[in-house]
């Protein structure tokens, strides 16, 4: 009885050893990217094999160490195994590849991301021991790291606000008072509407103003430089005006009037009220803002009157191609007047509003002259047809009288 039992135990032991040395079929088989790690970590394997890293020769052991060719947990987690990297070690771990010129050159990727991260607000706080600040995996993901152009990527243009908002839109994060409602404010902004509603992929997101790996709030004195990357005309006028000069240690910048994250569309009527934010007790400067608004409003009213007359002429119809072109010219002057208002110099704004008003008044005068001529022609035409009908009536009476006499 003992001999068959001994043979049975030997057979089981042989099969077990054979199973550990021969790649089994199915999910235990070695895959090029994840090896056999996916046998115990199937969810991570599925994520990783969708990632940008998987087809480029990066493997689980590239980040975690160990042996991905063994099904034995002790051997797999043996020599060189790092396991889950500590948060503070993740940037340096990613940099082992992403700061290597030789490895990044074939992909034409920059190798300064780690150096930039160390200069960022995130990197500086991490260096001071703050373990809750953002590291690479918070923005890019841990296993399913996708290319930025992939719509599912957390760093795709359309997803960046939500990615940053996981921390900077949360009241629960440390320093919440510093960051609260930033995401909500951005979502209400003209920038967000341009991105999400109009599909303008050039609209600013968080990284457009704060930077990517070197993310930091713009320094005092630099806000106009950041906004000026898109709003070039506005910055040109701003730097030529009085606001660009610091007085009493204060220097109004773009966010002083437009807000930092909840940026709203420029509305001309704000010219009359924006100055009160800083100059509530200064009658002279408040009057300056009202003068800018009056200049704009007066010109816009004349252009609107002219546009209404052009629409009336279209309905007659009168040839109006030239008038449409001139109305568009006037609107161009008005559009230029708004950036010019950043100079806070009424004479600069008047250079555009005066021309717009002049075009509006000229178009009105010319069309009113044409309408007057049309009215005159209409009266002459009425008189002519009255004379013709009267003549016909008299002739008919003579003919009828002659017929009766015969």
Protein backbone atom coordinates (compact mmCIF):
# COMPACT_ATOMS: atom_id res chain seq x y z
CA UNK A 1 0.00 0.00 0.00
CA UNK A 2 2.90 2.33 0.72
CA UNK A 3 4.60 1.89 -2.64
CA UNK A 4 1.68 3.15 -4.82
CA UNK A 5 1.27 6.11 -2.45
CA UNK A 6 4.96 7.03 -2.77
CA UNK A 7 4.75 6.86 -6.60
CA UNK A 8 1.61 9.04 -6.55
CA UNK A 9 3.32 11.70 -4.43
CA UNK A 10 6.38 11.65 -6.70
CA UNK A 11 4.14 12.09 -9.77
CA UNK A 12 2.36 15.10 -8.24
CA UNK A 13 5.69 16.69 -7.24
CA UNK A 14 7.07 16.18 -10.78
CA UNK A 15 4.01 17.77 -12.41
CA UNK A 16 4.17 20.73 -10.00
CA UNK A 17 7.84 21.36 -10.78
CA UNK A 18 7.15 21.00 -14.49
CA UNK A 19 4.29 23.54 -14.24
CA UNK A 20 6.67 26.09 -12.69
CA UNK A 21 9.24 25.80 -15.46
CA UNK A 22 7.05 25.51 -18.59
CA UNK A 23 4.96 28.56 -19.64
CA UNK A 24 1.35 27.45 -19.23
CA UNK A 25 -1.38 28.23 -21.71
CA UNK A 26 -3.95 30.96 -21.16
CA UNK A 27 -3.51 33.97 -18.86
CA UNK A 28 -0.38 32.54 -17.22
CA UNK A 29 1.52 32.76 -20.54
CA UNK A 30 4.33 35.32 -20.84
CA UNK A 31 3.39 38.49 -22.70
CA UNK A 32 5.99 40.79 -24.23
CA UNK A 33 5.21 43.72 -21.96
CA UNK A 34 3.93 42.42 -18.64
CA UNK A 35 5.52 38.98 -18.48
CA UNK A 36 3.76 36.81 -15.92
CA UNK A 37 2.96 39.69 -13.56
CA UNK A 38 -0.56 39.78 -15.00
CA UNK A 39 -1.35 36.34 -13.55
CA UNK A 40 -1.64 37.90 -10.10
CA UNK A 41 -2.29 41.49 -11.26
CA UNK A 42 -4.78 41.12 -14.15
CA UNK A 43 -6.35 44.59 -13.84
CA UNK A 44 -2.94 46.27 -13.92
CA UNK A 45 -1.89 44.07 -16.87
CA UNK A 46 -4.93 45.13 -18.91
CA UNK A 47 -4.25 48.80 -18.16
CA UNK A 48 -0.53 48.55 -18.86
CA UNK A 49 -0.93 46.75 -22.18
CA UNK A 50 -3.15 49.62 -23.42
CA UNK A 51 -0.47 52.13 -22.48
CA UNK A 52 2.04 54.04 -24.58
CA UNK A 53 4.84 52.25 -22.74
CA UNK A 54 3.86 48.66 -23.51
CA UNK A 55 4.77 48.58 -27.23
CA UNK A 56 8.07 50.39 -26.60
CA UNK A 57 9.81 47.68 -24.59
CA UNK A 58 8.97 49.03 -21.14
CA UNK A 59 7.98 46.20 -18.81
CA UNK A 60 6.53 45.91 -15.32
CA UNK A 61 10.00 45.21 -13.93
CA UNK A 62 11.28 48.45 -15.49
CA UNK A 63 9.53 50.32 -12.71
CA UNK A 64 8.87 47.68 -10.06
CA UNK A 65 11.95 45.48 -10.37
CA UNK A 66 11.86 41.74 -9.63
CA UNK A 67 11.49 38.84 -12.05
CA UNK A 68 8.53 38.84 -14.45
CA UNK A 69 9.37 35.37 -15.83
CA UNK A 70 8.42 33.39 -12.75
CA UNK A 71 5.07 32.32 -11.36
CA UNK A 72 6.54 31.80 -7.93
CA UNK A 73 5.74 34.86 -5.80
CA UNK A 74 8.98 34.55 -3.85
CA UNK A 75 11.09 34.49 -7.01
CA UNK A 76 9.05 37.19 -8.76
CA UNK A 77 9.37 39.49 -5.74
CA UNK A 78 12.95 38.51 -5.07
CA UNK A 79 16.21 40.28 -5.84
CA UNK A 80 15.83 43.85 -7.06
CA UNK A 81 12.08 44.02 -6.39
CA UNK A 82 10.96 47.54 -5.47
CA UNK A 83 7.21 47.02 -5.35
CA UNK A 84 5.07 50.14 -5.41
CA UNK A 85 7.39 53.16 -5.55
CA UNK A 86 7.03 55.68 -2.76
CA UNK A 87 5.35 58.90 -3.96
CA UNK A 88 8.46 60.97 -3.33
CA UNK A 89 10.51 58.61 -5.51
CA UNK A 90 8.21 58.60 -8.55
CA UNK A 91 9.59 61.71 -10.35
CA UNK A 92 13.18 60.46 -10.12
CA UNK A 93 12.07 56.98 -11.22
CA UNK A 94 10.33 58.34 -14.34
CA UNK A 95 13.40 60.48 -15.01
CA UNK A 96 15.62 57.41 -15.37
CA UNK A 97 14.16 57.14 -18.87
CA UNK A 98 12.69 60.56 -19.57
CA UNK A 99 15.91 62.43 -18.77
CA UNK A 100 18.02 60.07 -20.88
CA UNK A 101 18.89 61.75 -24.18
CA UNK A 102 19.72 58.44 -25.84
CA UNK A 103 16.38 56.90 -24.96
CA UNK A 104 14.24 59.93 -25.79
CA UNK A 105 15.95 60.98 -29.04
CA UNK A 106 14.12 58.43 -31.26
CA UNK A 107 10.77 59.81 -30.05
CA UNK A 108 11.86 63.46 -30.31
CA UNK A 109 10.81 63.98 -26.69
CA UNK A 110 12.42 66.63 -24.46
CA UNK A 111 14.61 65.46 -21.59
CA UNK A 112 14.15 68.45 -19.28
CA UNK A 113 10.81 67.50 -17.70
CA UNK A 114 12.36 66.33 -14.43
CA UNK A 115 14.51 69.44 -14.16
CA UNK A 116 11.43 71.59 -14.79
CA UNK A 117 9.40 69.60 -12.27
CA UNK A 118 11.98 70.32 -9.60
CA UNK A 119 11.52 74.07 -10.21
CA UNK A 120 7.72 73.83 -10.08
CA UNK A 121 5.50 74.49 -7.10
CA UNK A 122 4.84 70.76 -6.94
CA UNK A 123 8.52 69.80 -7.03
CA UNK A 124 9.60 72.39 -4.50
CA UNK A 125 6.93 71.31 -2.02
CA UNK A 126 7.85 67.66 -2.57
CA UNK A 127 11.49 68.51 -1.80
CA UNK A 128 10.33 70.14 1.45
CA UNK A 129 8.65 66.89 2.47
CA UNK A 130 5.05 67.43 1.30
CA UNK A 131 4.01 63.96 0.14
CA UNK A 132 0.55 65.02 -1.10
CA UNK A 133 1.60 67.25 -3.97
CA UNK A 134 1.22 66.05 -7.55
CA UNK A 135 3.80 63.66 -8.96
CA UNK A 136 4.01 62.17 -12.46
CA UNK A 137 1.44 59.42 -11.89
CA UNK A 138 -1.20 61.83 -10.58
CA UNK A 139 -1.40 63.53 -13.97
CA UNK A 140 -0.34 60.83 -16.43
CA UNK A 141 -1.68 57.76 -14.63
CA UNK A 142 0.25 54.83 -13.21
CA UNK A 143 -0.24 51.95 -15.68
CA UNK A 144 -2.54 53.13 -18.49
CA UNK A 145 -0.34 56.03 -19.61
CA UNK A 146 -1.67 57.30 -22.94
CA UNK A 147 -0.27 59.74 -25.48
CA UNK A 148 -1.54 63.34 -25.07
CA UNK A 149 -3.29 63.26 -28.45
CA UNK A 150 -5.39 60.26 -27.34
CA UNK A 151 -8.87 61.54 -26.33
CA UNK A 152 -8.85 59.12 -23.38
CA UNK A 153 -5.58 60.47 -22.03
CA UNK A 154 -5.79 62.40 -18.76
CA UNK A 155 -3.43 64.98 -20.27
CA UNK A 156 -5.38 65.43 -23.50
CA UNK A 157 -6.23 69.09 -24.11
CA UNK A 158 -9.91 68.52 -23.31
CA UNK A 159 -9.16 66.59 -20.11
CA UNK A 160 -6.50 68.82 -18.55
CA UNK A 161 -8.94 71.00 -16.54
CA UNK A 162 -10.49 67.94 -14.91
CA UNK A 163 -7.06 66.41 -14.28
CA UNK A 164 -5.78 69.53 -12.54
CA UNK A 165 -9.17 69.97 -10.90
CA UNK A 166 -8.84 66.69 -9.04
CA UNK A 167 -6.61 68.63 -6.65
CA UNK A 168 -7.17 72.28 -7.48
CA UNK A 169 -10.94 72.00 -7.47
CA UNK A 170 -11.18 70.09 -4.22
CA UNK A 171 -12.04 71.73 -0.92
CA UNK A 172 -10.73 68.64 0.89
CA UNK A 173 -7.11 69.02 -0.22
CA UNK A 174 -4.57 70.67 2.09
CA UNK A 175 -4.55 74.42 1.55
CA UNK A 176 -8.08 74.27 0.16
CA UNK A 177 -8.64 77.96 0.76
CA UNK A 178 -5.78 78.63 -1.64
CA UNK A 179 -7.27 76.50 -4.42
CA UNK A 180 -11.01 76.14 -3.83
CA UNK A 181 -13.38 76.66 -6.75
CA UNK A 182 -10.54 77.17 -9.25
CA UNK A 183 -11.97 74.46 -11.52
CA UNK A 184 -15.51 75.81 -11.13
CA UNK A 185 -14.35 79.32 -11.98
CA UNK A 186 -12.47 78.09 -15.05
CA UNK A 187 -15.52 76.15 -16.25
CA UNK A 188 -17.55 79.38 -16.18
CA UNK A 189 -14.93 81.30 -18.17
CA UNK A 190 -14.85 82.42 -21.78
CA UNK A 191 -11.78 80.19 -22.22
CA UNK A 192 -13.69 77.07 -21.17
CA UNK A 193 -16.64 77.93 -23.41
CA UNK A 194 -14.30 78.34 -26.36
CA UNK A 195 -12.70 74.95 -25.62
CA UNK A 196 -15.73 72.81 -24.77
CA UNK A 197 -18.62 74.49 -26.60
CA UNK A 198 -16.89 75.89 -29.68
CA UNK A 199 -14.28 73.12 -29.99
CA UNK A 200 -11.38 75.59 -30.17
CA UNK A 201 -8.37 73.46 -29.20
CA UNK A 202 -6.20 76.57 -29.05
CA UNK A 203 -8.20 77.93 -26.13
CA UNK A 204 -6.18 78.18 -22.90
CA UNK A 205 -6.24 75.47 -20.26
CA UNK A 206 -4.38 75.32 -16.93
CA UNK A 207 -1.03 74.46 -18.54
CA UNK A 208 -1.27 77.33 -21.03
CA UNK A 209 -0.82 79.83 -18.21
CA UNK A 210 0.92 77.85 -15.47
CA UNK A 211 3.23 75.66 -17.50
CA UNK A 212 3.32 71.88 -17.79
CA UNK A 213 6.02 70.15 -15.78
CA UNK A 214 7.35 73.43 -14.38
CA UNK A 215 3.87 74.49 -13.25
CA UNK A 216 3.83 77.62 -11.11
CA UNK A 217 1.54 80.62 -10.68
CA UNK A 218 2.80 83.52 -12.82
CA UNK A 219 4.92 85.92 -10.80
CA UNK A 220 3.70 89.42 -10.01
CA UNK A 221 4.70 91.51 -13.01
CA UNK A 222 4.55 88.53 -15.38
CA UNK A 223 0.80 88.11 -15.77
CA UNK A 224 0.64 90.43 -18.77
CA UNK A 225 3.43 88.44 -20.43
CA UNK A 226 1.46 85.21 -19.97
CA UNK A 227 -1.83 86.67 -21.24
CA UNK A 228 0.06 88.49 -23.99
CA UNK A 229 0.99 85.20 -25.63
CA UNK A 230 -2.55 85.18 -27.03
CA UNK A 231 -3.73 88.76 -26.47
CA UNK A 232 -0.88 90.51 -28.26
CA UNK A 233 -2.67 93.77 -29.09
CA UNK A 234 -4.02 94.15 -25.56
CA UNK A 235 -0.54 93.73 -24.08
CA UNK A 236 0.98 96.19 -26.54
CA UNK A 237 -1.45 98.90 -25.41
CA UNK A 238 -1.15 97.89 -21.75
CA UNK A 239 2.63 98.25 -21.73
CA UNK A 240 2.32 101.71 -23.34
CA UNK A 241 -0.09 102.98 -20.67
CA UNK A 242 -0.07 104.05 -17.06
CA UNK A 243 -1.02 100.68 -15.61
CA UNK A 244 2.29 99.15 -16.68
CA UNK A 245 4.12 101.44 -14.21
CA UNK A 246 4.04 100.34 -10.58
CA UNK A 247 2.92 103.01 -8.12
CA UNK A 248 3.10 102.58 -4.39
CA UNK A 249 4.23 98.98 -4.81
CA UNK A 250 1.08 98.11 -6.79
CA UNK A 251 0.73 97.39 -10.46
CA UNK A 252 -2.65 96.52 -11.96
CA UNK A 253 -2.43 93.44 -14.17
CA UNK A 254 -4.82 91.56 -16.43
CA UNK A 255 -6.39 89.61 -13.55
CA UNK A 256 -7.12 92.85 -11.69
CA UNK A 257 -9.92 93.61 -14.17
CA UNK A 258 -10.62 90.26 -15.86
CA UNK A 259 -10.13 87.78 -12.95
CA UNK A 260 -7.57 85.00 -13.00
CA UNK A 261 -9.57 81.82 -13.72
CA UNK A 262 -13.17 82.94 -14.26
CA UNK A 263 -12.21 85.17 -17.20
CA UNK A 264 -15.28 86.59 -18.89
CA UNK A 265 -15.74 87.93 -22.41
CA UNK A 266 -14.79 91.58 -22.87
CA UNK A 267 -17.87 93.79 -22.60
CA UNK A 268 -17.51 97.45 -23.58
CA UNK A 269 -19.82 98.63 -20.79
CA UNK A 270 -17.26 97.45 -18.23
CA UNK A 271 -15.15 100.47 -19.23
CA UNK A 272 -17.49 102.60 -17.13
CA UNK A 273 -17.28 100.41 -14.00
CA UNK A 274 -13.94 98.55 -13.94
CA UNK A 275 -11.99 101.57 -12.72
CA UNK A 276 -14.05 101.69 -9.52
CA UNK A 277 -12.50 98.40 -8.37
CA UNK A 278 -9.26 100.23 -7.57
CA UNK A 279 -10.18 103.93 -7.88
CA UNK A 280 -13.45 104.11 -5.97
CA UNK A 281 -12.50 107.39 -4.31
CA UNK A 282 -10.66 108.98 -7.22
CA UNK A 283 -13.10 111.13 -9.21
CA UNK A 284 -10.56 111.98 -11.91
CA UNK A 285 -9.77 108.36 -12.74
CA UNK A 286 -13.40 107.33 -12.49
CA UNK A 287 -14.24 110.06 -14.99
CA UNK A 288 -11.52 108.70 -17.30
CA UNK A 289 -13.25 105.32 -17.41
CA UNK A 290 -16.60 106.97 -18.13
CA UNK A 291 -15.01 108.99 -20.95
CA UNK A 292 -13.69 105.79 -22.54
CA UNK A 293 -17.15 104.23 -22.34
CA UNK A 294 -18.85 107.37 -23.70
CA UNK A 295 -16.46 107.50 -26.66
CA UNK A 296 -17.17 103.87 -27.48
CA UNK A 297 -20.93 104.01 -26.88
CA UNK A 298 -21.42 107.13 -29.02
CA UNK A 299 -19.50 105.66 -31.94
CA UNK A 300 -21.25 102.29 -31.63
CA UNK A 301 -24.65 104.01 -31.65
CA UNK A 302 -23.87 105.80 -34.92
CA UNK A 303 -22.63 102.57 -36.51
CA UNK A 304 -25.80 100.76 -35.36
CA UNK A 305 -27.98 103.49 -36.90
CA UNK A 306 -26.06 103.17 -40.16
CA UNK A 307 -26.41 99.37 -40.13
CA UNK A 308 -30.18 99.72 -39.64
CA UNK A 309 -30.39 102.03 -42.67
CA UNK A 310 -28.37 99.56 -44.75
CA UNK A 311 -30.84 96.81 -43.78
CA UNK A 312 -33.70 99.11 -44.81
CA UNK A 313 -31.97 99.77 -48.13
CA UNK A 314 -31.57 96.01 -48.69
CA UNK A 315 -35.35 95.62 -48.44
CA UNK A 316 -36.15 98.29 -51.11
CA UNK A 317 -33.79 97.16 -52.75
CA UNK A 318 -30.88 99.55 -53.27
CA UNK A 319 -27.33 98.50 -54.17
CA UNK A 320 -25.64 98.17 -50.75
CA UNK A 321 -22.45 96.14 -51.27
CA UNK A 322 -20.28 99.18 -50.65
CA UNK A 323 -22.24 100.11 -47.53
CA UNK A 324 -21.88 96.63 -46.04
CA UNK A 325 -18.12 96.85 -46.53
CA UNK A 326 -18.01 100.25 -44.83
CA UNK A 327 -20.10 99.04 -41.89
CA UNK A 328 -17.65 96.16 -41.44
CA UNK A 329 -14.82 98.69 -41.55
CA UNK A 330 -16.52 100.66 -38.76
CA UNK A 331 -16.94 97.49 -36.68
CA UNK A 332 -13.23 96.79 -37.16
CA UNK A 333 -12.43 100.21 -35.69
CA UNK A 334 -14.71 99.46 -32.74
CA UNK A 335 -13.02 96.10 -32.18
CA UNK A 336 -9.64 97.86 -32.19
CA UNK A 337 -10.92 100.40 -29.67
CA UNK A 338 -11.35 97.73 -26.98
CA UNK A 339 -7.69 96.60 -26.94
CA UNK A 340 -6.71 100.28 -27.16
CA UNK A 341 -8.63 100.89 -23.92
CA UNK A 342 -5.87 98.96 -22.11
CA UNK A 343 -3.69 102.02 -22.61
CA UNK A 344 -6.18 103.97 -20.40
CA UNK A 345 -5.60 106.94 -22.69
CA UNK A 346 -8.80 108.48 -24.10
CA UNK A 347 -6.99 110.02 -27.06
CA UNK A 348 -5.75 106.58 -28.16
CA UNK A 349 -9.24 105.10 -27.97
CA UNK A 350 -10.68 108.17 -29.73
CA UNK A 351 -8.39 107.48 -32.68
CA UNK A 352 -10.53 104.41 -33.43
CA UNK A 353 -13.95 105.50 -32.16
CA UNK A 354 -13.78 108.78 -34.13
CA UNK A 355 -13.16 106.89 -37.34
CA UNK A 356 -15.94 104.42 -36.60
CA UNK A 357 -18.35 107.24 -35.83
CA UNK A 358 -17.33 109.11 -39.00
CA UNK A 359 -18.02 106.04 -41.15
CA UNK A 360 -21.41 105.57 -39.48
CA UNK A 361 -22.37 109.18 -39.99
CA UNK A 362 -21.24 109.18 -43.65
CA UNK A 363 -23.24 106.06 -44.44
CA UNK A 364 -26.31 107.53 -42.73
CA UNK A 365 -25.99 110.80 -44.66
CA UNK A 366 -25.59 109.07 -48.02
CA UNK A 367 -28.47 106.67 -47.48
CA UNK A 368 -30.77 109.34 -46.15
CA UNK A 369 -29.97 111.32 -49.33
CA UNK A 370 -30.87 108.29 -51.44
CA UNK A 371 -34.07 107.74 -49.47
CA UNK A 372 -34.96 111.42 -50.01
CA UNK A 373 -34.38 111.04 -53.75
CA UNK A 374 -36.54 107.93 -53.79
CA UNK A 375 -39.32 109.81 -52.03
CA UNK A 376 -38.99 112.65 -54.54
CA UNK A 377 -39.07 110.21 -57.43
CA UNK A 378 -42.10 108.57 -55.90
CA UNK A 379 -43.93 111.88 -55.65
CA UNK A 380 -43.05 112.73 -59.27
CA UNK A 381 -44.24 109.29 -60.34
CA UNK A 382 -47.49 109.72 -58.45
CA UNK A 383 -48.02 113.15 -60.08
CA UNK A 384 -47.24 111.68 -63.51
CA UNK A 385 -49.72 108.85 -63.18
CA UNK A 386 -52.31 111.22 -61.76
CA UNK A 387 -51.87 113.44 -64.86
CA UNK A 388 -52.10 110.39 -67.17
CA UNK A 389 -55.25 109.12 -65.49
CA UNK A 390 -56.80 112.58 -65.44
CA UNK A 391 -56.03 112.99 -69.16
CA UNK A 392 -57.60 109.62 -69.93
CA UNK A 393 -60.64 110.55 -67.87
CA UNK A 394 -61.08 113.88 -69.73
CA UNK A 395 -60.63 112.22 -73.12
CA UNK A 396 -63.22 109.63 -72.20
CA UNK A 397 -65.67 112.35 -71.18
CA UNK A 398 -65.16 114.16 -74.52
CA UNK A 399 -65.65 110.92 -76.42
CA UNK A 400 -68.83 110.09 -74.50
CA UNK A 401 -70.18 113.64 -75.06
CA UNK A 402 -69.45 113.41 -78.79
CA UNK A 403 -71.25 110.08 -78.97
CA UNK A 404 -74.35 111.52 -77.32
CA UNK A 405 -74.38 114.53 -79.69
CA UNK A 406 -74.39 112.23 -82.71
